[in-house]
Amino acid sequence: MSDIRMVIGGLFLVYGVILIVAGLVGNSVNLWTGLIMAVFGGTFVVWARVKRI
């Protein structure tokens, strides 16, 4: 876990999931923002896994 992309991706995934849950309960802006953040974080994690330093 020494790669910064894993840390950034993990944080975006966690915050994205929190916003997705908040969006399902209330405001749809939270849902769309959470989906975008989760996709962005997932991209970072996959990028860090595929292309190792």
N, C-alpha and C. Protein backbone atom coordinates (compact mmCIF):
# COMPACT_ATOMS: atom_id res chain seq x y z
N MET A 1 0.83 -1.19 0.00
CA MET A 1 0.00 0.00 0.00
C MET A 1 0.87 1.25 0.00
N SER A 2 2.03 1.17 -0.60
CA SER A 2 2.92 2.32 -0.65
C SER A 2 2.63 3.24 -1.82
N ASP A 3 1.76 2.83 -2.72
CA ASP A 3 1.44 3.62 -3.89
C ASP A 3 0.35 4.63 -3.55
N ILE A 4 0.58 5.89 -3.87
CA ILE A 4 -0.37 6.95 -3.52
C ILE A 4 -1.69 6.79 -4.28
N ARG A 5 -1.65 6.12 -5.45
CA ARG A 5 -2.88 5.93 -6.21
C ARG A 5 -3.87 5.04 -5.46
N MET A 6 -3.36 4.08 -4.70
CA MET A 6 -4.25 3.23 -3.90
C MET A 6 -4.92 4.03 -2.79
N VAL A 7 -4.17 4.92 -2.17
CA VAL A 7 -4.73 5.74 -1.08
C VAL A 7 -5.79 6.68 -1.63
N ILE A 8 -5.46 7.37 -2.72
CA ILE A 8 -6.41 8.31 -3.32
C ILE A 8 -7.66 7.57 -3.81
N GLY A 9 -7.45 6.46 -4.50
CA GLY A 9 -8.57 5.68 -5.00
C GLY A 9 -9.44 5.14 -3.88
N GLY A 10 -8.81 4.66 -2.82
CA GLY A 10 -9.57 4.14 -1.69
C GLY A 10 -10.41 5.21 -1.02
N LEU A 11 -9.84 6.40 -0.85
CA LEU A 11 -10.61 7.49 -0.24
C LEU A 11 -11.79 7.90 -1.12
N PHE A 12 -11.55 8.01 -2.42
CA PHE A 12 -12.65 8.37 -3.32
C PHE A 12 -13.73 7.29 -3.30
N LEU A 13 -13.33 6.02 -3.24
CA LEU A 13 -14.32 4.94 -3.18
C LEU A 13 -15.16 5.01 -1.90
N VAL A 14 -14.50 5.23 -0.77
CA VAL A 14 -15.22 5.29 0.51
C VAL A 14 -16.19 6.47 0.52
N TYR A 15 -15.70 7.66 0.13
CA TYR A 15 -16.58 8.83 0.11
C TYR A 15 -17.68 8.68 -0.94
N GLY A 16 -17.36 8.04 -2.06
CA GLY A 16 -18.38 7.81 -3.08
C GLY A 16 -19.49 6.91 -2.58
N VAL A 17 -19.13 5.85 -1.87
CA VAL A 17 -20.15 4.95 -1.33
C VAL A 17 -21.01 5.66 -0.29
N ILE A 18 -20.39 6.49 0.54
CA ILE A 18 -21.15 7.25 1.54
C ILE A 18 -22.15 8.17 0.84
N LEU A 19 -21.71 8.84 -0.23
CA LEU A 19 -22.62 9.73 -0.94
C LEU A 19 -23.71 8.97 -1.69
N ILE A 20 -23.39 7.78 -2.18
CA ILE A 20 -24.41 6.96 -2.85
C ILE A 20 -25.50 6.59 -1.85
N VAL A 21 -25.11 6.18 -0.66
CA VAL A 21 -26.10 5.83 0.36
C VAL A 21 -26.93 7.06 0.74
N ALA A 22 -26.27 8.20 0.90
CA ALA A 22 -27.00 9.43 1.22
C ALA A 22 -27.93 9.83 0.07
N GLY A 23 -27.51 9.58 -1.16
CA GLY A 23 -28.34 9.91 -2.31
C GLY A 23 -29.55 9.00 -2.43
N LEU A 24 -29.41 7.75 -2.03
CA LEU A 24 -30.55 6.84 -2.07
C LEU A 24 -31.60 7.22 -1.04
N VAL A 25 -31.16 7.82 0.05
CA VAL A 25 -32.08 8.21 1.10
C VAL A 25 -32.70 9.58 0.83
N GLY A 26 -31.91 10.48 0.23
CA GLY A 26 -32.39 11.86 0.10
C GLY A 26 -32.16 12.46 -1.27
N ASN A 27 -31.23 13.36 -1.33
CA ASN A 27 -31.00 14.22 -2.49
C ASN A 27 -30.34 13.45 -3.64
N SER A 28 -30.85 13.63 -4.85
CA SER A 28 -30.30 12.91 -5.99
C SER A 28 -28.95 13.45 -6.43
N VAL A 29 -28.61 14.69 -6.03
CA VAL A 29 -27.29 15.24 -6.36
C VAL A 29 -26.22 14.41 -5.67
N ASN A 30 -26.49 13.99 -4.43
CA ASN A 30 -25.54 13.14 -3.72
C ASN A 30 -25.35 11.81 -4.44
N LEU A 31 -26.40 11.28 -5.00
CA LEU A 31 -26.32 10.01 -5.71
C LEU A 31 -25.40 10.13 -6.92
N TRP A 32 -25.61 11.14 -7.74
CA TRP A 32 -24.80 11.30 -8.95
C TRP A 32 -23.35 11.64 -8.60
N THR A 33 -23.14 12.48 -7.62
CA THR A 33 -21.79 12.81 -7.19
C THR A 33 -21.09 11.57 -6.63
N GLY A 34 -21.80 10.78 -5.86
CA GLY A 34 -21.23 9.55 -5.30
C GLY A 34 -20.88 8.54 -6.38
N LEU A 35 -21.73 8.42 -7.38
CA LEU A 35 -21.42 7.51 -8.49
C LEU A 35 -20.16 7.93 -9.24
N ILE A 36 -20.05 9.22 -9.50
CA ILE A 36 -18.87 9.73 -10.20
C ILE A 36 -17.61 9.52 -9.35
N MET A 37 -17.71 9.80 -8.06
CA MET A 37 -16.55 9.61 -7.18
C MET A 37 -16.16 8.14 -7.07
N ALA A 38 -17.15 7.25 -7.02
CA ALA A 38 -16.85 5.82 -6.93
C ALA A 38 -16.19 5.32 -8.22
N VAL A 39 -16.65 5.79 -9.36
CA VAL A 39 -16.03 5.39 -10.62
C VAL A 39 -14.60 5.93 -10.69
N PHE A 40 -14.40 7.17 -10.29
CA PHE A 40 -13.07 7.78 -10.28
C PHE A 40 -12.13 7.01 -9.35
N GLY A 41 -12.61 6.70 -8.16
CA GLY A 41 -11.78 5.94 -7.21
C GLY A 41 -11.49 4.54 -7.70
N GLY A 42 -12.49 3.89 -8.30
CA GLY A 42 -12.26 2.56 -8.85
C GLY A 42 -11.25 2.58 -9.98
N THR A 43 -11.28 3.62 -10.79
CA THR A 43 -10.30 3.76 -11.86
C THR A 43 -8.89 3.89 -11.30
N PHE A 44 -8.74 4.67 -10.25
CA PHE A 44 -7.43 4.82 -9.63
C PHE A 44 -6.93 3.49 -9.06
N VAL A 45 -7.80 2.75 -8.40
CA VAL A 45 -7.40 1.47 -7.81
C VAL A 45 -7.00 0.47 -8.89
N VAL A 46 -7.79 0.40 -9.95
CA VAL A 46 -7.46 -0.52 -11.06
C VAL A 46 -6.16 -0.09 -11.72
N TRP A 47 -5.98 1.19 -11.91
CA TRP A 47 -4.75 1.71 -12.52
C TRP A 47 -3.54 1.34 -11.66
N ALA A 48 -3.67 1.46 -10.35
CA ALA A 48 -2.56 1.12 -9.46
C ALA A 48 -2.28 -0.38 -9.46
N ARG A 49 -3.32 -1.20 -9.63
CA ARG A 49 -3.13 -2.65 -9.64
C ARG A 49 -2.51 -3.13 -10.96
N VAL A 50 -2.93 -2.53 -12.06
CA VAL A 50 -2.49 -2.99 -13.39
C VAL A 50 -1.06 -2.51 -13.66
N LYS A 51 -0.79 -1.25 -13.42
CA LYS A 51 0.51 -0.70 -13.73
C LYS A 51 1.26 -0.42 -12.43
N ARG A 52 2.00 -1.40 -11.99
CA ARG A 52 2.78 -1.29 -10.76
C ARG A 52 3.99 -0.40 -10.99
N ILE A 53 4.42 0.25 -9.92
CA ILE A 53 5.65 1.06 -9.99
C ILE A 53 6.83 0.20 -9.65
